[in-house]
Amino acid sequence: MTVTYGPEHLALQQEHDSRGLAELWQQKLIHGELTPEEQAFIASRDMFFLATVDGEGKPTVSYKGGPVGFVRVLDAVTLAFPGYDGNGMFLSAGNIATTHSVGMLFIDFETPHRLRVQGEAEVVREGELVASFPGAAYALRVRVTDAFVNCARYIHRYRRVETSRHVPQASGDQPLAEWKRIDWVQPHLPSRDRDPAAAAGELTMEEYGAKTAACDT
């Protein structure tokens, strides 16, 4: 268990008379291995939120989506998930390569439930793990250090409608991202994307905005 309370945590706990609760959660709630129920919950998810920090301690948080089970439970203390085609900034992966610290938040919005996982991650650039995820450019492997279930009382209930058409198929194929068609973006695309984007036709920013508003991206 690596979740620790610093002076400011302790001061706030004291201020709000929650010191006893905080100590209780350390003893009873936070644990270093995923239970069978937690492993099953992760395997049932098709999205999660990933938090990382850069070398200066600046955080970023990112939504990650894929097919059900795209976050793979390798064992009780190891998770893996694919890195799909993104915007080319590599904020999360770059942070992981720098500091390795991650926070993962898994949520069920239909039957409110959430699981927090913290750990140390690495970027896997090639090999069997990457190849096992169709459409992945790389993979991320996480060594779990802490896991705990949070109360679900503030989770609003939402109903899932459909899977994004951009989730890679079993073959690894996926449609071209519509933003790659924007006229001022095309000259800066990686070489692998330039011909497909040109063939799909240019979009102005206004046209792209209209497609976004119509849920056609």
Protein backbone atom coordinates (compact mmCIF):
# COMPACT_ATOMS: atom_id res chain seq x y z
CA MET A 1 0.00 0.00 0.00
CA THR A 2 1.49 3.34 -1.05
CA VAL A 3 -1.30 5.87 -0.47
CA THR A 4 0.10 8.14 2.22
CA TYR A 5 -1.19 11.21 4.01
CA GLY A 6 1.01 14.29 4.04
CA PRO A 7 0.75 17.31 6.35
CA GLU A 8 -2.00 18.97 4.29
CA HIS A 9 -4.08 15.79 4.13
CA LEU A 10 -3.76 15.44 7.88
CA ALA A 11 -4.67 19.09 8.45
CA LEU A 12 -7.85 18.79 6.36
CA GLN A 13 -8.78 15.54 8.06
CA GLN A 14 -8.35 17.20 11.43
CA GLU A 15 -10.32 20.26 10.32
CA HIS A 16 -13.25 18.14 9.17
CA ASP A 17 -13.07 15.58 11.99
CA SER A 18 -12.37 12.70 9.58
CA ARG A 19 -9.02 11.52 10.92
CA GLY A 20 -10.53 8.31 12.24
CA LEU A 21 -12.24 7.57 8.94
CA ALA A 22 -9.06 8.23 6.98
CA GLU A 23 -7.14 5.77 9.15
CA LEU A 24 -9.95 3.23 8.82
CA TRP A 25 -9.87 3.40 5.02
CA GLN A 26 -6.11 2.88 5.08
CA GLN A 27 -6.59 -0.28 7.12
CA LYS A 28 -9.77 -1.73 5.64
CA LEU A 29 -10.29 -0.33 2.12
CA ILE A 30 -7.02 0.23 0.28
CA HIS A 31 -5.22 -2.90 -0.88
CA GLY A 32 -2.38 -3.84 -3.19
CA GLU A 33 -3.89 -6.75 -5.15
CA LEU A 34 -7.03 -6.76 -7.27
CA THR A 35 -9.74 -9.03 -5.91
CA PRO A 36 -11.48 -11.46 -8.29
CA GLU A 37 -14.53 -9.15 -8.26
CA GLU A 38 -12.39 -6.14 -9.15
CA GLN A 39 -10.64 -8.06 -11.92
CA ALA A 40 -14.02 -9.03 -13.39
CA PHE A 41 -15.24 -5.43 -13.17
CA ILE A 42 -12.19 -4.12 -15.04
CA ALA A 43 -12.58 -6.81 -17.71
CA SER A 44 -16.20 -5.72 -18.22
CA ARG A 45 -15.36 -2.08 -18.94
CA ASP A 46 -15.03 -0.40 -22.33
CA MET A 47 -13.68 2.91 -20.98
CA PHE A 48 -11.78 4.44 -18.09
CA PHE A 49 -10.07 7.69 -17.11
CA LEU A 50 -6.27 7.78 -16.94
CA ALA A 51 -4.34 10.31 -14.83
CA THR A 52 -0.61 10.89 -15.28
CA VAL A 53 1.96 13.49 -14.24
CA ASP A 54 4.92 14.93 -16.12
CA GLY A 55 8.46 15.51 -14.90
CA GLU A 56 7.44 18.81 -13.28
CA GLY A 57 4.51 17.27 -11.44
CA LYS A 58 1.90 18.77 -13.78
CA PRO A 59 -1.07 16.39 -14.17
CA THR A 60 -3.19 15.47 -17.13
CA VAL A 61 -6.23 13.23 -17.31
CA SER A 62 -7.45 11.40 -20.39
CA TYR A 63 -10.48 9.36 -21.40
CA LYS A 64 -9.53 5.96 -22.81
CA GLY A 65 -12.05 3.85 -24.71
CA GLY A 66 -12.02 0.57 -26.61
CA PRO A 67 -13.89 -2.71 -26.90
CA VAL A 68 -15.13 -4.40 -23.76
CA GLY A 69 -12.13 -5.92 -22.01
CA PHE A 70 -9.52 -3.72 -23.73
CA VAL A 71 -7.95 -3.24 -20.30
CA ARG A 72 -6.53 -6.70 -19.74
CA VAL A 73 -5.95 -8.22 -16.31
CA LEU A 74 -2.68 -10.14 -16.62
CA ASP A 75 -2.69 -11.10 -12.94
CA ALA A 76 -3.80 -9.69 -9.59
CA VAL A 77 -1.18 -6.95 -9.70
CA THR A 78 -0.71 -6.33 -13.42
CA LEU A 79 -2.90 -4.62 -16.02
CA ALA A 80 -2.27 -3.85 -19.68
CA PHE A 81 -4.09 -1.75 -22.23
CA PRO A 82 -3.47 -0.58 -25.81
CA GLY A 83 -2.33 2.80 -27.04
CA TYR A 84 -4.44 3.62 -30.07
CA ASP A 85 -3.92 6.30 -32.72
CA GLY A 86 -4.32 9.70 -31.07
CA ASN A 87 -3.56 13.35 -31.70
CA GLY A 88 0.21 12.90 -31.86
CA MET A 89 0.92 14.73 -28.58
CA PHE A 90 1.54 11.54 -26.53
CA LEU A 91 0.75 13.38 -23.30
CA SER A 92 -0.21 10.31 -21.28
CA ALA A 93 2.39 7.96 -22.77
CA GLY A 94 5.12 10.60 -22.53
CA ASN A 95 4.27 11.23 -18.90
CA ILE A 96 4.32 7.50 -18.19
CA ALA A 97 7.73 7.16 -19.85
CA THR A 98 8.95 10.01 -17.64
CA THR A 99 7.45 9.43 -14.19
CA HIS A 100 5.61 6.08 -14.49
CA SER A 101 2.90 7.08 -11.98
CA VAL A 102 -0.71 6.50 -13.05
CA GLY A 103 -4.19 6.66 -11.63
CA MET A 104 -7.01 4.74 -13.31
CA LEU A 105 -10.69 5.34 -12.64
CA PHE A 106 -13.15 2.67 -13.80
CA ILE A 107 -16.85 3.62 -13.70
CA ASP A 108 -20.15 1.90 -14.39
CA PHE A 109 -22.67 4.67 -15.09
CA GLU A 110 -25.63 2.32 -15.54
CA THR A 111 -25.32 0.47 -12.23
CA PRO A 112 -23.35 3.13 -10.35
CA HIS A 113 -20.01 1.74 -9.24
CA ARG A 114 -16.41 2.91 -9.39
CA LEU A 115 -12.97 1.46 -8.78
CA ARG A 116 -9.76 3.42 -8.36
CA VAL A 117 -6.42 1.85 -9.26
CA GLN A 118 -3.01 3.44 -8.79
CA GLY A 119 0.26 2.06 -9.97
CA GLU A 120 3.54 2.27 -11.83
CA ALA A 121 3.34 1.98 -15.62
CA GLU A 122 5.65 1.47 -18.55
CA VAL A 123 5.34 2.02 -22.29
CA VAL A 124 5.79 -1.18 -24.30
CA ARG A 125 6.74 -0.25 -27.85
CA GLU A 126 6.87 -3.65 -29.54
CA GLY A 127 6.53 -7.37 -29.03
CA GLU A 128 3.80 -9.87 -28.24
CA LEU A 129 1.87 -7.63 -25.89
CA VAL A 130 1.52 -4.87 -28.49
CA ALA A 131 0.66 -7.36 -31.22
CA SER A 132 -2.08 -8.87 -29.05
CA PHE A 133 -4.08 -5.63 -29.20
CA PRO A 134 -5.53 -5.11 -32.73
CA GLY A 135 -4.84 -1.59 -33.96
CA ALA A 136 -2.47 -0.66 -31.13
CA ALA A 137 0.57 1.51 -31.82
CA TYR A 138 2.03 0.54 -28.44
CA ALA A 139 0.85 -0.89 -25.12
CA LEU A 140 0.93 0.21 -21.50
CA ARG A 141 1.66 -2.21 -18.69
CA VAL A 142 0.69 -1.22 -15.14
CA ARG A 143 1.95 -2.68 -11.87
CA VAL A 144 -0.84 -2.11 -9.39
CA THR A 145 0.18 -0.58 -6.08
CA ASP A 146 -3.23 0.41 -4.69
CA ALA A 147 -6.85 -0.39 -5.44
CA PHE A 148 -10.02 0.65 -3.70
CA VAL A 149 -13.73 1.02 -4.37
CA ASN A 150 -15.25 4.46 -3.83
CA CYS A 151 -18.80 5.16 -2.73
CA ALA A 152 -21.04 5.52 -5.80
CA ARG A 153 -23.51 8.05 -4.39
CA TYR A 154 -22.45 10.97 -6.63
CA ILE A 155 -22.32 8.98 -9.87
CA HIS A 156 -25.09 10.14 -12.18
CA ARG A 157 -26.83 7.34 -14.07
CA TYR A 158 -26.29 7.28 -17.84
CA ARG A 159 -27.24 4.66 -20.37
CA ARG A 160 -24.73 3.37 -22.93
CA VAL A 161 -25.89 3.90 -26.53
CA GLU A 162 -23.27 2.48 -28.87
CA THR A 163 -19.59 1.70 -29.40
CA SER A 164 -17.53 4.35 -31.17
CA ARG A 165 -17.00 3.48 -34.83
CA HIS A 166 -13.33 4.37 -34.36
CA VAL A 167 -12.59 1.45 -32.04
CA PRO A 168 -10.22 -0.77 -34.07
CA GLN A 169 -11.75 -3.88 -35.59
CA ALA A 170 -10.31 -7.35 -35.02
CA SER A 171 -8.12 -6.73 -38.07
CA GLY A 172 -6.79 -3.52 -36.52
CA ASP A 173 -8.50 -1.35 -39.14
CA GLN A 174 -10.36 1.79 -38.13
CA PRO A 175 -11.88 4.78 -39.98
CA LEU A 176 -9.87 7.93 -40.57
CA ALA A 177 -10.32 10.50 -37.80
CA GLU A 178 -12.36 13.37 -39.25
CA TRP A 179 -10.11 16.02 -37.68
CA LYS A 180 -7.30 14.79 -39.93
CA ARG A 181 -9.29 16.23 -42.86
CA ILE A 182 -9.12 19.82 -41.52
CA ASP A 183 -7.35 21.96 -44.12
CA TRP A 184 -4.75 23.48 -41.80
CA VAL A 185 -4.05 20.12 -40.13
CA GLN A 186 -3.36 18.08 -43.27
CA PRO A 187 0.12 19.50 -44.04
CA HIS A 188 1.31 18.47 -40.58
CA LEU A 189 0.00 14.90 -40.52
CA PRO A 190 2.35 11.92 -40.26
CA SER A 191 3.18 10.63 -43.73
CA ARG A 192 1.01 7.52 -43.23
CA ASP A 193 -2.09 9.70 -42.86
CA ARG A 194 -1.60 12.24 -45.64
CA ASP A 195 -2.87 10.26 -48.60
CA PRO A 196 -5.96 8.89 -46.81
CA ALA A 197 -6.81 12.37 -45.50
CA ALA A 198 -6.36 13.95 -48.93
CA ALA A 199 -8.50 11.24 -50.53
CA ALA A 200 -11.27 11.86 -47.99
CA GLY A 201 -11.32 15.55 -48.89
CA GLU A 202 -10.51 18.70 -46.94
CA LEU A 203 -12.76 20.21 -44.31
CA THR A 204 -12.76 23.75 -43.01
CA MET A 205 -12.85 24.19 -39.25
CA GLU A 206 -16.46 25.31 -39.58
CA GLU A 207 -17.38 22.14 -41.51
CA TYR A 208 -15.63 19.99 -38.94
CA GLY A 209 -17.49 21.80 -36.18
CA ALA A 210 -20.80 21.09 -37.91
CA LYS A 211 -19.93 17.39 -38.19
CA THR A 212 -19.00 17.32 -34.51
CA ALA A 213 -22.30 18.93 -33.56
CA ALA A 214 -24.11 16.30 -35.64
CA CYS A 215 -22.16 13.46 -33.89
CA ASP A 216 -20.57 12.58 -37.24
CA THR A 217 -16.92 12.45 -36.23
